[in-house]
Amino acid sequence: MASQRIMRFHIQRGDKSLEPLEFIEALRKTDKHIEHIYMNGGCYQFYKVLKKIYPSAEPYINEEKNHIATKIGDSFYDITGRARGLFHPLINKDEIEMCKKWRFDKDYWLYKTCPHCDEKIIITN
């Protein structure tokens, strides 16, 4: 019975279920900046991505109120894989509104290193 319950949380890939950790690892490998983005302002957006794939996903906020983990089944996830820390359900309307405003591109920036002088070059939109 437990395995049937867990199977609901997985998307199908051919004849095999895609575990959340497999999806997260595959996404993380798509770009070197992905982890940085989803760990610095994009964690609520990451929850929304996981929610599309795993409909039972629920957002949880850490005690410091600065990071969202996604609960799928009995496990907590963020872009690093299994989330570390203590989390509680994100149900307070003020906290939800606060988290919806978090965005990497609003609060952080990416840079490249100049191949000629090693100086940092800010990447803009």
PDB file of N, CA and C in Angstrom:
ATOM      1  N   MET A   1       0.819  -1.195   0.000  1.00  0.00           N
ATOM      2  CA  MET A   1       0.000   0.000   0.000  1.00  0.00           C
ATOM      3  C   MET A   1       0.863   1.259   0.000  1.00  0.00           C
ATOM      4  N   ALA A   2       1.921   1.270   0.795  1.00  0.00           N
ATOM      5  CA  ALA A   2       2.790   2.450   0.872  1.00  0.00           C
ATOM      6  C   ALA A   2       3.411   2.748  -0.483  1.00  0.00           C
ATOM      7  N   SER A   3       3.843   1.733  -1.219  1.00  0.00           N
ATOM      8  CA  SER A   3       4.467   1.982  -2.512  1.00  0.00           C
ATOM      9  C   SER A   3       3.468   2.579  -3.499  1.00  0.00           C
ATOM     10  N   GLN A   4       2.192   2.223  -3.408  1.00  0.00           N
ATOM     11  CA  GLN A   4       1.188   2.826  -4.270  1.00  0.00           C
ATOM     12  C   GLN A   4       1.023   4.300  -3.947  1.00  0.00           C
ATOM     13  N   ARG A   5       1.042   4.638  -2.662  1.00  0.00           N
ATOM     14  CA  ARG A   5       0.904   6.028  -2.266  1.00  0.00           C
ATOM     15  C   ARG A   5       2.077   6.858  -2.780  1.00  0.00           C
ATOM     16  N   ILE A   6       3.262   6.352  -2.670  1.00  0.00           N
ATOM     17  CA  ILE A   6       4.454   7.063  -3.136  1.00  0.00           C
ATOM     18  C   ILE A   6       4.433   7.211  -4.646  1.00  0.00           C
ATOM     19  N   MET A   7       3.966   6.225  -5.364  1.00  0.00           N
ATOM     20  CA  MET A   7       3.942   6.281  -6.824  1.00  0.00           C
ATOM     21  C   MET A   7       3.114   7.469  -7.330  1.00  0.00           C
ATOM     22  N   ARG A   8       2.112   7.919  -6.579  1.00  0.00           N
ATOM     23  CA  ARG A   8       1.313   9.065  -6.999  1.00  0.00           C
ATOM     24  C   ARG A   8       2.157  10.311  -7.152  1.00  0.00           C
ATOM     25  N   PHE A   9       3.224  10.411  -6.403  1.00  0.00           N
ATOM     26  CA  PHE A   9       4.025  11.619  -6.390  1.00  0.00           C
ATOM     27  C   PHE A   9       5.060  11.667  -7.507  1.00  0.00           C
ATOM     28  N   HIS A  10       5.151  10.642  -8.299  1.00  0.00           N
ATOM     29  CA  HIS A  10       6.193  10.561  -9.315  1.00  0.00           C
ATOM     30  C   HIS A  10       5.602  10.708 -10.702  1.00  0.00           C
ATOM     31  N   ILE A  11       6.285  11.405 -11.566  1.00  0.00           N
ATOM     32  CA  ILE A  11       5.840  11.463 -12.945  1.00  0.00           C
ATOM     33  C   ILE A  11       6.381  10.242 -13.663  1.00  0.00           C
ATOM     34  N   GLN A  12       5.729   9.854 -14.715  1.00  0.00           N
ATOM     35  CA  GLN A  12       6.132   8.668 -15.452  1.00  0.00           C
ATOM     36  C   GLN A  12       7.115   9.049 -16.550  1.00  0.00           C
ATOM     37  N   ARG A  13       8.119   8.227 -16.716  1.00  0.00           N
ATOM     38  CA  ARG A  13       9.097   8.387 -17.775  1.00  0.00           C
ATOM     39  C   ARG A  13       9.179   7.027 -18.452  1.00  0.00           C
ATOM     40  N   GLY A  14       8.429   6.858 -19.532  1.00  0.00           N
ATOM     41  CA  GLY A  14       8.366   5.550 -20.162  1.00  0.00           C
ATOM     42  C   GLY A  14       7.708   4.571 -19.218  1.00  0.00           C
ATOM     43  N   ASP A  15       8.406   3.512 -18.897  1.00  0.00           N
ATOM     44  CA  ASP A  15       7.850   2.509 -17.994  1.00  0.00           C
ATOM     45  C   ASP A  15       8.386   2.670 -16.572  1.00  0.00           C
ATOM     46  N   LYS A  16       9.012   3.803 -16.290  1.00  0.00           N
ATOM     47  CA  LYS A  16       9.650   4.007 -14.993  1.00  0.00           C
ATOM     48  C   LYS A  16       9.233   5.348 -14.397  1.00  0.00           C
ATOM     49  N   SER A  17       9.008   5.386 -13.101  1.00  0.00           N
ATOM     50  CA  SER A  17       8.670   6.636 -12.422  1.00  0.00           C
ATOM     51  C   SER A  17       9.911   7.503 -12.268  1.00  0.00           C
ATOM     52  N   LEU A  18       9.717   8.797 -12.358  1.00  0.00           N
ATOM     53  CA  LEU A  18      10.816   9.742 -12.155  1.00  0.00           C
ATOM     54  C   LEU A  18      10.739  10.257 -10.726  1.00  0.00           C
ATOM     55  N   GLU A  19      11.689   9.845  -9.928  1.00  0.00           N
ATOM     56  CA  GLU A  19      11.751  10.263  -8.527  1.00  0.00           C
ATOM     57  C   GLU A  19      12.097  11.753  -8.459  1.00  0.00           C
ATOM     58  N   PRO A  20      11.615  12.451  -7.432  1.00  0.00           N
ATOM     59  CA  PRO A  20      11.955  13.872  -7.302  1.00  0.00           C
ATOM     60  C   PRO A  20      13.465  14.134  -7.333  1.00  0.00           C
ATOM     61  N   LEU A  21      14.248  13.311  -6.665  1.00  0.00           N
ATOM     62  CA  LEU A  21      15.704  13.534  -6.663  1.00  0.00           C
ATOM     63  C   LEU A  21      16.302  13.395  -8.055  1.00  0.00           C
ATOM     64  N   GLU A  22      15.765  12.495  -8.874  1.00  0.00           N
ATOM     65  CA  GLU A  22      16.254  12.350 -10.247  1.00  0.00           C
ATOM     66  C   GLU A  22      15.951  13.606 -11.057  1.00  0.00           C
ATOM     67  N   PHE A  23      14.720  14.110 -10.925  1.00  0.00           N
ATOM     68  CA  PHE A  23      14.346  15.323 -11.637  1.00  0.00           C
ATOM     69  C   PHE A  23      15.211  16.500 -11.199  1.00  0.00           C
ATOM     70  N   ILE A  24      15.367  16.666  -9.890  1.00  0.00           N
ATOM     71  CA  ILE A  24      16.144  17.788  -9.360  1.00  0.00           C
ATOM     72  C   ILE A  24      17.584  17.724  -9.854  1.00  0.00           C
ATOM     73  N   GLU A  25      18.179  16.543  -9.834  1.00  0.00           N
ATOM     74  CA  GLU A  25      19.557  16.411 -10.310  1.00  0.00           C
ATOM     75  C   GLU A  25      19.659  16.752 -11.791  1.00  0.00           C
ATOM     76  N   ALA A  26      18.703  16.265 -12.588  1.00  0.00           N
ATOM     77  CA  ALA A  26      18.720  16.556 -14.024  1.00  0.00           C
ATOM     78  C   ALA A  26      18.581  18.054 -14.275  1.00  0.00           C
ATOM     79  N   LEU A  27      17.689  18.713 -13.550  1.00  0.00           N
ATOM     80  CA  LEU A  27      17.515  20.157 -13.700  1.00  0.00           C
ATOM     81  C   LEU A  27      18.773  20.901 -13.282  1.00  0.00           C
ATOM     82  N   ARG A  28      19.352  20.505 -12.171  1.00  0.00           N
ATOM     83  CA  ARG A  28      20.558  21.169 -11.660  1.00  0.00           C
ATOM     84  C   ARG A  28      21.699  21.085 -12.668  1.00  0.00           C
ATOM     85  N   LYS A  29      21.750  20.017 -13.440  1.00  0.00           N
ATOM     86  CA  LYS A  29      22.825  19.841 -14.419  1.00  0.00           C
ATOM     87  C   LYS A  29      22.613  20.638 -15.703  1.00  0.00           C
ATOM     88  N   THR A  30      21.464  21.279 -15.864  1.00  0.00           N
ATOM     89  CA  THR A  30      21.195  22.006 -17.106  1.00  0.00           C
ATOM     90  C   THR A  30      22.005  23.287 -17.242  1.00  0.00           C
ATOM     91  N   ASP A  31      22.414  23.872 -16.119  1.00  0.00           N
ATOM     92  CA  ASP A  31      23.165  25.120 -16.174  1.00  0.00           C
ATOM     93  C   ASP A  31      23.905  25.307 -14.854  1.00  0.00           C
ATOM     94  N   LYS A  32      25.094  25.852 -14.911  1.00  0.00           N
ATOM     95  CA  LYS A  32      25.879  26.020 -13.692  1.00  0.00           C
ATOM     96  C   LYS A  32      25.272  27.035 -12.731  1.00  0.00           C
ATOM     97  N   HIS A  33      24.356  27.881 -13.212  1.00  0.00           N
ATOM     98  CA  HIS A  33      23.757  28.906 -12.361  1.00  0.00           C
ATOM     99  C   HIS A  33      22.447  28.467 -11.709  1.00  0.00           C
ATOM    100  N   ILE A  34      21.894  27.336 -12.113  1.00  0.00           N
ATOM    101  CA  ILE A  34      20.575  26.913 -11.628  1.00  0.00           C
ATOM    102  C   ILE A  34      20.530  26.821 -10.104  1.00  0.00           C
ATOM    103  N   GLU A  35      21.496  26.140  -9.516  1.00  0.00           N
ATOM    104  CA  GLU A  35      21.477  25.992  -8.063  1.00  0.00           C
ATOM    105  C   GLU A  35      21.574  27.351  -7.373  1.00  0.00           C
ATOM    106  N   HIS A  36      22.429  28.208  -7.871  1.00  0.00           N
ATOM    107  CA  HIS A  36      22.603  29.537  -7.280  1.00  0.00           C
ATOM    108  C   HIS A  36      21.289  30.334  -7.343  1.00  0.00           C
ATOM    109  N   ILE A  37      20.608  30.252  -8.464  1.00  0.00           N
ATOM    110  CA  ILE A  37      19.353  30.990  -8.640  1.00  0.00           C
ATOM    111  C   ILE A  37      18.282  30.483  -7.678  1.00  0.00           C
ATOM    112  N   TYR A  38      18.100  29.156  -7.622  1.00  0.00           N
ATOM    113  CA  TYR A  38      17.035  28.606  -6.790  1.00  0.00           C
ATOM    114  C   TYR A  38      17.371  28.581  -5.303  1.00  0.00           C
ATOM    115  N   MET A  39      18.607  28.858  -4.934  1.00  0.00           N
ATOM    116  CA  MET A  39      18.970  28.956  -3.514  1.00  0.00           C
ATOM    117  C   MET A  39      19.098  30.403  -3.049  1.00  0.00           C
ATOM    118  N   ASN A  40      18.930  31.346  -3.962  1.00  0.00           N
ATOM    119  CA  ASN A  40      19.087  32.763  -3.629  1.00  0.00           C
ATOM    120  C   ASN A  40      17.941  33.585  -4.204  1.00  0.00           C
ATOM    121  N   GLY A  41      16.767  33.360  -3.688  1.00  0.00           N
ATOM    122  CA  GLY A  41      15.607  34.128  -4.114  1.00  0.00           C
ATOM    123  C   GLY A  41      14.623  33.365  -4.970  1.00  0.00           C
ATOM    124  N   GLY A  42      15.039  32.242  -5.524  1.00  0.00           N
ATOM    125  CA  GLY A  42      14.163  31.496  -6.422  1.00  0.00           C
ATOM    126  C   GLY A  42      13.548  30.249  -5.813  1.00  0.00           C
ATOM    127  N   CYS A  43      13.683  30.059  -4.511  1.00  0.00           N
ATOM    128  CA  CYS A  43      13.215  28.810  -3.890  1.00  0.00           C
ATOM    129  C   CYS A  43      11.694  28.659  -3.955  1.00  0.00           C
ATOM    130  N   TYR A  44      10.941  29.750  -3.851  1.00  0.00           N
ATOM    131  CA  TYR A  44       9.488  29.645  -3.976  1.00  0.00           C
ATOM    132  C   TYR A  44       9.115  29.300  -5.416  1.00  0.00           C
ATOM    133  N   GLN A  45       9.830  29.876  -6.366  1.00  0.00           N
ATOM    134  CA  GLN A  45       9.587  29.543  -7.772  1.00  0.00           C
ATOM    135  C   GLN A  45       9.917  28.069  -8.037  1.00  0.00           C
ATOM    136  N   PHE A  46      10.940  27.556  -7.370  1.00  0.00           N
ATOM    137  CA  PHE A  46      11.290  26.146  -7.516  1.00  0.00           C
ATOM    138  C   PHE A  46      10.163  25.261  -6.988  1.00  0.00           C
ATOM    139  N   TYR A  47       9.570  25.655  -5.868  1.00  0.00           N
ATOM    140  CA  TYR A  47       8.401  24.931  -5.364  1.00  0.00           C
ATOM    141  C   TYR A  47       7.320  24.884  -6.438  1.00  0.00           C
ATOM    142  N   LYS A  48       7.069  26.014  -7.116  1.00  0.00           N
ATOM    143  CA  LYS A  48       6.025  26.058  -8.137  1.00  0.00           C
ATOM    144  C   LYS A  48       6.342  25.124  -9.305  1.00  0.00           C
ATOM    145  N   VAL A  49       7.612  25.005  -9.663  1.00  0.00           N
ATOM    146  CA  VAL A  49       8.009  24.051 -10.709  1.00  0.00           C
ATOM    147  C   VAL A  49       7.693  22.631 -10.259  1.00  0.00           C
ATOM    148  N   LEU A  50       8.129  22.296  -9.043  1.00  0.00           N
ATOM    149  CA  LEU A  50       7.871  20.951  -8.531  1.00  0.00           C
ATOM    150  C   LEU A  50       6.374  20.676  -8.403  1.00  0.00           C
ATOM    151  N   LYS A  51       5.589  21.662  -8.050  1.00  0.00           N
ATOM    152  CA  LYS A  51       4.139  21.508  -7.906  1.00  0.00           C
ATOM    153  C   LYS A  51       3.500  21.115  -9.238  1.00  0.00           C
ATOM    154  N   LYS A  52       4.011  21.653 -10.346  1.00  0.00           N
ATOM    155  CA  LYS A  52       3.493  21.297 -11.674  1.00  0.00           C
ATOM    156  C   LYS A  52       3.739  19.824 -11.992  1.00  0.00           C
ATOM    157  N   ILE A  53       4.865  19.310 -11.538  1.00  0.00           N
ATOM    158  CA  ILE A  53       5.240  17.933 -11.839  1.00  0.00           C
ATOM    159  C   ILE A  53       4.685  16.956 -10.814  1.00  0.00           C
ATOM    160  N   TYR A  54       4.701  17.365  -9.560  1.00  0.00           N
ATOM    161  CA  TYR A  54       4.226  16.538  -8.445  1.00  0.00           C
ATOM    162  C   TYR A  54       3.080  17.297  -7.778  1.00  0.00           C
ATOM    163  N   PRO A  55       1.842  17.094  -8.237  1.00  0.00           N
ATOM    164  CA  PRO A  55       0.700  17.904  -7.771  1.00  0.00           C
ATOM    165  C   PRO A  55       0.481  17.912  -6.259  1.00  0.00           C
ATOM    166  N   SER A  56       0.931  16.906  -5.568  1.00  0.00           N
ATOM    167  CA  SER A  56       0.740  16.867  -4.111  1.00  0.00           C
ATOM    168  C   SER A  56       1.797  17.673  -3.354  1.00  0.00           C
ATOM    169  N   ALA A  57       2.730  18.285  -4.062  1.00  0.00           N
ATOM    170  CA  ALA A  57       3.806  19.057  -3.426  1.00  0.00           C
ATOM    171  C   ALA A  57       3.228  20.205  -2.607  1.00  0.00           C
ATOM    172  N   GLU A  58       3.866  20.462  -1.452  1.00  0.00           N
ATOM    173  CA  GLU A  58       3.434  21.535  -0.564  1.00  0.00           C
ATOM    174  C   GLU A  58       4.635  22.382  -0.163  1.00  0.00           C
ATOM    175  N   PRO A  59       4.458  23.723  -0.079  1.00  0.00           N
ATOM    176  CA  PRO A  59       5.570  24.584   0.330  1.00  0.00           C
ATOM    177  C   PRO A  59       5.721  24.617   1.854  1.00  0.00           C
ATOM    178  N   TYR A  60       6.958  24.574   2.303  1.00  0.00           N
ATOM    179  CA  TYR A  60       7.287  24.696   3.728  1.00  0.00           C
ATOM    180  C   TYR A  60       8.357  25.763   3.853  1.00  0.00           C
ATOM    181  N   ILE A  61       8.301  26.538   4.925  1.00  0.00           N
ATOM    182  CA  ILE A  61       9.261  27.624   5.134  1.00  0.00           C
ATOM    183  C   ILE A  61      10.146  27.288   6.335  1.00  0.00           C
ATOM    184  N   ASN A  62      11.405  27.713   6.257  1.00  0.00           N
ATOM    185  CA  ASN A  62      12.311  27.430   7.372  1.00  0.00           C
ATOM    186  C   ASN A  62      12.058  28.384   8.537  1.00  0.00           C
ATOM    187  N   GLU A  63      12.702  28.100   9.660  1.00  0.00           N
ATOM    188  CA  GLU A  63      12.485  28.895  10.871  1.00  0.00           C
ATOM    189  C   GLU A  63      12.950  30.337  10.710  1.00  0.00           C
ATOM    190  N   GLU A  64      13.979  30.558   9.889  1.00  0.00           N
ATOM    191  CA  GLU A  64      14.485  31.912   9.667  1.00  0.00           C
ATOM    192  C   GLU A  64      13.610  32.699   8.704  1.00  0.00           C
ATOM    193  N   LYS A  65      12.661  32.011   8.074  1.00  0.00           N
ATOM    194  CA  LYS A  65      11.741  32.612   7.105  1.00  0.00           C
ATOM    195  C   LYS A  65      12.474  33.210   5.913  1.00  0.00           C
ATOM    196  N   ASN A  66      13.494  32.454   5.434  1.00  0.00           N
ATOM    197  CA  ASN A  66      14.232  32.922   4.262  1.00  0.00           C
ATOM    198  C   ASN A  66      14.485  31.823   3.229  1.00  0.00           C
ATOM    199  N   HIS A  67      13.804  30.686   3.372  1.00  0.00           N
ATOM    200  CA  HIS A  67      13.983  29.602   2.406  1.00  0.00           C
ATOM    201  C   HIS A  67      12.752  28.703   2.397  1.00  0.00           C
ATOM    202  N   ILE A  68      12.375  28.294   1.195  1.00  0.00           N
ATOM    203  CA  ILE A  68      11.251  27.378   1.006  1.00  0.00           C
ATOM    204  C   ILE A  68      11.786  26.016   0.594  1.00  0.00           C
ATOM    205  N   ALA A  69      11.259  24.991   1.230  1.00  0.00           N
ATOM    206  CA  ALA A  69      11.497  23.612   0.813  1.00  0.00           C
ATOM    207  C   ALA A  69      10.152  23.070   0.343  1.00  0.00           C
ATOM    208  N   THR A  70      10.199  22.099  -0.526  1.00  0.00           N
ATOM    209  CA  THR A  70       8.982  21.491  -1.043  1.00  0.00           C
ATOM    210  C   THR A  70       8.823  20.110  -0.435  1.00  0.00           C
ATOM    211  N   LYS A  71       7.682  19.872   0.176  1.00  0.00           N
ATOM    212  CA  LYS A  71       7.405  18.561   0.753  1.00  0.00           C
ATOM    213  C   LYS A  71       6.667  17.731  -0.289  1.00  0.00           C
ATOM    214  N   ILE A  72       7.233  16.586  -0.615  1.00  0.00           N
ATOM    215  CA  ILE A  72       6.614  15.615  -1.517  1.00  0.00           C
ATOM    216  C   ILE A  72       6.639  14.295  -0.770  1.00  0.00           C
ATOM    217  N   GLY A  73       5.468  13.756  -0.493  1.00  0.00           N
ATOM    218  CA  GLY A  73       5.411  12.566   0.345  1.00  0.00           C
ATOM    219  C   GLY A  73       5.883  12.929   1.735  1.00  0.00           C
ATOM    220  N   ASP A  74       6.864  12.196   2.230  1.00  0.00           N
ATOM    221  CA  ASP A  74       7.403  12.453   3.564  1.00  0.00           C
ATOM    222  C   ASP A  74       8.754  13.155   3.527  1.00  0.00           C
ATOM    223  N   SER A  75       9.193  13.603   2.350  1.00  0.00           N
ATOM    224  CA  SER A  75      10.524  14.197   2.204  1.00  0.00           C
ATOM    225  C   SER A  75      10.438  15.665   1.797  1.00  0.00           C
ATOM    226  N   PHE A  76      11.487  16.410   2.156  1.00  0.00           N
ATOM    227  CA  PHE A  76      11.597  17.826   1.829  1.00  0.00           C
ATOM    228  C   PHE A  76      12.715  18.006   0.809  1.00  0.00           C
ATOM    229  N   TYR A  77      12.447  18.832  -0.223  1.00  0.00           N
ATOM    230  CA  TYR A  77      13.399  19.032  -1.312  1.00  0.00           C
ATOM    231  C   TYR A  77      13.617  20.511  -1.585  1.00  0.00           C
ATOM    232  N   ASP A  78      14.822  20.822  -2.055  1.00  0.00           N
ATOM    233  CA  ASP A  78      15.102  22.093  -2.694  1.00  0.00           C
ATOM    234  C   ASP A  78      16.041  21.766  -3.847  1.00  0.00           C
ATOM    235  N   ILE A  79      16.606  22.745  -4.493  1.00  0.00           N
ATOM    236  CA  ILE A  79      17.418  22.481  -5.685  1.00  0.00           C
ATOM    237  C   ILE A  79      18.680  21.666  -5.363  1.00  0.00           C
ATOM    238  N   THR A  80      19.090  21.611  -4.114  1.00  0.00           N
ATOM    239  CA  THR A  80      20.277  20.823  -3.760  1.00  0.00           C
ATOM    240  C   THR A  80      19.955  19.339  -3.632  1.00  0.00           C
ATOM    241  N   GLY A  81      18.680  18.994  -3.602  1.00  0.00           N
ATOM    242  CA  GLY A  81      18.247  17.605  -3.387  1.00  0.00           C
ATOM    243  C   GLY A  81      17.368  17.571  -2.158  1.00  0.00           C
ATOM    244  N   ARG A  82      17.772  16.808  -1.163  1.00  0.00           N
ATOM    245  CA  ARG A  82      17.013  16.789   0.097  1.00  0.00           C
ATOM    246  C   ARG A  82      17.349  18.055   0.886  1.00  0.00           C
ATOM    247  N   ALA A  83      16.307  18.788   1.246  1.00  0.00           N
ATOM    248  CA  ALA A  83      16.498  20.046   1.977  1.00  0.00           C
ATOM    249  C   ALA A  83      16.942  19.764   3.401  1.00  0.00           C
ATOM    250  N   ARG A  84      17.832  20.615   3.897  1.00  0.00           N
ATOM    251  CA  ARG A  84      18.327  20.506   5.274  1.00  0.00           C
ATOM    252  C   ARG A  84      17.735  21.610   6.119  1.00  0.00           C
ATOM    253  N   GLY A  85      17.383  21.280   7.336  1.00  0.00           N
ATOM    254  CA  GLY A  85      16.852  22.282   8.248  1.00  0.00           C
ATOM    255  C   GLY A  85      15.478  21.902   8.750  1.00  0.00           C
ATOM    256  N   LEU A  86      14.924  22.794   9.546  1.00  0.00           N
ATOM    257  CA  LEU A  86      13.582  22.603  10.080  1.00  0.00           C
ATOM    258  C   LEU A  86      12.618  23.500   9.314  1.00  0.00           C
ATOM    259  N   PHE A  87      11.505  22.937   8.899  1.00  0.00           N
ATOM    260  CA  PHE A  87      10.533  23.663   8.088  1.00  0.00           C
ATOM    261  C   PHE A  87       9.138  23.476   8.674  1.00  0.00           C
ATOM    262  N   HIS A  88       8.297  24.486   8.481  1.00  0.00           N
ATOM    263  CA  HIS A  88       6.894  24.351   8.869  1.00  0.00           C
ATOM    264  C   HIS A  88       6.027  24.739   7.670  1.00  0.00           C
ATOM    265  N   PRO A  89       4.773  24.276   7.632  1.00  0.00           N
ATOM    266  CA  PRO A  89       3.921  24.554   6.467  1.00  0.00           C
ATOM    267  C   PRO A  89       3.799  26.049   6.198  1.00  0.00           C
ATOM    268  N   LEU A  90       3.836  26.392   4.939  1.00  0.00           N
ATOM    269  CA  LEU A  90       3.662  27.786   4.523  1.00  0.00           C
ATOM    270  C   LEU A  90       2.162  28.030   4.360  1.00  0.00           C
ATOM    271  N   ILE A  91       1.522  28.453   5.440  1.00  0.00           N
ATOM    272  CA  ILE A  91       0.069  28.646   5.406  1.00  0.00           C
ATOM    273  C   ILE A  91      -0.339  30.062   5.812  1.00  0.00           C
ATOM    274  N   ASN A  92       0.556  30.789   6.444  1.00  0.00           N
ATOM    275  CA  ASN A  92       0.283  32.164   6.855  1.00  0.00           C
ATOM    276  C   ASN A  92       0.224  33.051   5.601  1.00  0.00           C
ATOM    277  N   LYS A  93      -0.864  33.784   5.433  1.00  0.00           N
ATOM    278  CA  LYS A  93      -1.046  34.600   4.221  1.00  0.00           C
ATOM    279  C   LYS A  93       0.059  35.632   4.037  1.00  0.00           C
ATOM    280  N   ASP A  94       0.515  36.253   5.122  1.00  0.00           N
ATOM    281  CA  ASP A  94       1.597  37.242   5.013  1.00  0.00           C
ATOM    282  C   ASP A  94       2.893  36.586   4.546  1.00  0.00           C
ATOM    283  N   GLU A  95       3.191  35.391   5.082  1.00  0.00           N
ATOM    284  CA  GLU A  95       4.392  34.671   4.653  1.00  0.00           C
ATOM    285  C   GLU A  95       4.291  34.264   3.188  1.00  0.00           C
ATOM    286  N   ILE A  96       3.121  33.822   2.769  1.00  0.00           N
ATOM    287  CA  ILE A  96       2.924  33.435   1.370  1.00  0.00           C
ATOM    288  C   ILE A  96       3.169  34.627   0.460  1.00  0.00           C
ATOM    289  N   GLU A  97       2.592  35.770   0.803  1.00  0.00           N
ATOM    290  CA  GLU A  97       2.790  36.973  -0.011  1.00  0.00           C
ATOM    291  C   GLU A  97       4.256  37.393  -0.030  1.00  0.00           C
ATOM    292  N   MET A  98       4.921  37.274   1.106  1.00  0.00           N
ATOM    293  CA  MET A  98       6.344  37.594   1.174  1.00  0.00           C
ATOM    294  C   MET A  98       7.131  36.698   0.209  1.00  0.00           C
ATOM    295  N   CYS A  99       6.852  35.405   0.243  1.00  0.00           N
ATOM    296  CA  CYS A  99       7.584  34.444  -0.587  1.00  0.00           C
ATOM    297  C   CYS A  99       7.308  34.638  -2.077  1.00  0.00           C
ATOM    298  N   LYS A 100       6.110  35.022  -2.414  1.00  0.00           N
ATOM    299  CA  LYS A 100       5.769  35.266  -3.817  1.00  0.00           C
ATOM    300  C   LYS A 100       6.596  36.411  -4.396  1.00  0.00           C
ATOM    301  N   LYS A 101       7.055  37.306  -3.543  1.00  0.00           N
ATOM    302  CA  LYS A 101       7.850  38.445  -4.009  1.00  0.00           C
ATOM    303  C   LYS A 101       9.330  38.109  -4.182  1.00  0.00           C
ATOM    304  N   TRP A 102       9.774  36.993  -3.608  1.00  0.00           N
ATOM    305  CA  TRP A 102      11.177  36.622  -3.728  1.00  0.00           C
ATOM    306  C   TRP A 102      11.489  36.288  -5.178  1.00  0.00           C
ATOM    307  N   ARG A 103      12.577  36.875  -5.673  1.00  0.00           N
ATOM    308  CA  ARG A 103      13.030  36.570  -7.033  1.00  0.00           C
ATOM    309  C   ARG A 103      14.530  36.782  -7.087  1.00  0.00           C
ATOM    310  N   PHE A 104      15.201  35.861  -7.706  1.00  0.00           N
ATOM    311  CA  PHE A 104      16.646  35.982  -7.843  1.00  0.00           C
ATOM    312  C   PHE A 104      17.009  37.233  -8.623  1.00  0.00           C
ATOM    313  N   ASP A 105      16.361  37.464  -9.751  1.00  0.00           N
ATOM    314  CA  ASP A 105      16.753  38.568 -10.622  1.00  0.00           C
ATOM    315  C   ASP A 105      16.483  39.944 -10.008  1.00  0.00           C
ATOM    316  N   LYS A 106      15.661  39.991  -8.970  1.00  0.00           N
ATOM    317  CA  LYS A 106      15.375  41.262  -8.307  1.00  0.00           C
ATOM    318  C   LYS A 106      16.424  41.588  -7.244  1.00  0.00           C
ATOM    319  N   ASP A 107      16.944  40.575  -6.576  1.00  0.00           N
ATOM    320  CA  ASP A 107      17.812  40.794  -5.429  1.00  0.00           C
ATOM    321  C   ASP A 107      19.278  40.402  -5.623  1.00  0.00           C
ATOM    322  N   TYR A 108      19.582  39.695  -6.695  1.00  0.00           N
ATOM    323  CA  TYR A 108      20.945  39.207  -6.917  1.00  0.00           C
ATOM    324  C   TYR A 108      21.355  39.453  -8.356  1.00  0.00           C
ATOM    325  N   TRP A 109      22.615  39.190  -8.657  1.00  0.00           N
ATOM    326  CA  TRP A 109      23.091  39.317 -10.009  1.00  0.00           C
ATOM    327  C   TRP A 109      24.097  38.218 -10.310  1.00  0.00           C
ATOM    328  N   LEU A 110      24.245  37.924 -11.584  1.00  0.00           N
ATOM    329  CA  LEU A 110      25.237  36.950 -12.049  1.00  0.00           C
ATOM    330  C   LEU A 110      26.374  37.707 -12.724  1.00  0.00           C
ATOM    331  N   TYR A 111      27.516  37.079 -12.786  1.00  0.00           N
ATOM    332  CA  TYR A 111      28.635  37.705 -13.463  1.00  0.00           C
ATOM    333  C   TYR A 111      29.436  36.664 -14.223  1.00  0.00           C
ATOM    334  N   LYS A 112      30.194  37.148 -15.171  1.00  0.00           N
ATOM    335  CA  LYS A 112      31.162  36.334 -15.901  1.00  0.00           C
ATOM    336  C   LYS A 112      32.535  36.916 -15.596  1.00  0.00           C
ATOM    337  N   THR A 113      33.528  36.139 -15.812  1.00  0.00           N
ATOM    338  CA  THR A 113      34.898  36.619 -15.645  1.00  0.00           C
ATOM    339  C   THR A 113      35.472  36.939 -17.019  1.00  0.00           C
ATOM    340  N   CYS A 114      36.035  38.116 -17.149  1.00  0.00           N
ATOM    341  CA  CYS A 114      36.648  38.525 -18.413  1.00  0.00           C
ATOM    342  C   CYS A 114      37.788  37.565 -18.744  1.00  0.00           C
ATOM    343  N   PRO A 115      37.793  37.002 -19.933  1.00  0.00           N
ATOM    344  CA  PRO A 115      38.865  36.060 -20.296  1.00  0.00           C
ATOM    345  C   PRO A 115      40.235  36.719 -20.470  1.00  0.00           C
ATOM    346  N   HIS A 116      40.269  38.046 -20.554  1.00  0.00           N
ATOM    347  CA  HIS A 116      41.529  38.758 -20.766  1.00  0.00           C
ATOM    348  C   HIS A 116      42.160  39.286 -19.483  1.00  0.00           C
ATOM    349  N   CYS A 117      41.298  39.742 -18.534  1.00  0.00           N
ATOM    350  CA  CYS A 117      41.861  40.362 -17.337  1.00  0.00           C
ATOM    351  C   CYS A 117      41.332  39.783 -16.024  1.00  0.00           C
ATOM    352  N   ASP A 118      40.465  38.795 -16.089  1.00  0.00           N
ATOM    353  CA  ASP A 118      39.861  38.161 -14.916  1.00  0.00           C
ATOM    354  C   ASP A 118      38.972  39.084 -14.088  1.00  0.00           C
ATOM    355  N   GLU A 119      38.609  40.229 -14.629  1.00  0.00           N
ATOM    356  CA  GLU A 119      37.700  41.130 -13.948  1.00  0.00           C
ATOM    357  C   GLU A 119      36.276  40.581 -14.054  1.00  0.00           C
ATOM    358  N   LYS A 120      35.444  40.855 -13.043  1.00  0.00           N
ATOM    359  CA  LYS A 120      34.055  40.411 -13.046  1.00  0.00           C
ATOM    360  C   LYS A 120      33.221  41.314 -13.937  1.00  0.00           C
ATOM    361  N   ILE A 121      32.384  40.692 -14.777  1.00  0.00           N
ATOM    362  CA  ILE A 121      31.480  41.424 -15.657  1.00  0.00           C
ATOM    363  C   ILE A 121      30.060  41.038 -15.266  1.00  0.00           C
ATOM    364  N   ILE A 122      29.247  42.012 -14.905  1.00  0.00           N
ATOM    365  CA  ILE A 122      27.864  41.742 -14.487  1.00  0.00           C
ATOM    366  C   ILE A 122      27.034  41.411 -15.708  1.00  0.00           C
ATOM    367  N   ILE A 123      26.230  40.364 -15.586  1.00  0.00           N
ATOM    368  CA  ILE A 123      25.311  39.972 -16.644  1.00  0.00           C
ATOM    369  C   ILE A 123      23.981  40.658 -16.382  1.00  0.00           C
ATOM    370  N   THR A 124      23.480  41.395 -17.366  1.00  0.00           N
ATOM    371  CA  THR A 124      22.190  42.066 -17.217  1.00  0.00           C
ATOM    372  C   THR A 124      21.208  41.509 -18.251  1.00  0.00           C
ATOM    373  N   ASN A 125      19.946  41.802 -18.028  1.00  0.00           N
ATOM    374  CA  ASN A 125      18.902  41.341 -18.968  1.00  0.00           C
ATOM    375  C   ASN A 125      18.918  42.133 -20.238  1.00  0.00           C
TER     376      ASN A 125
END
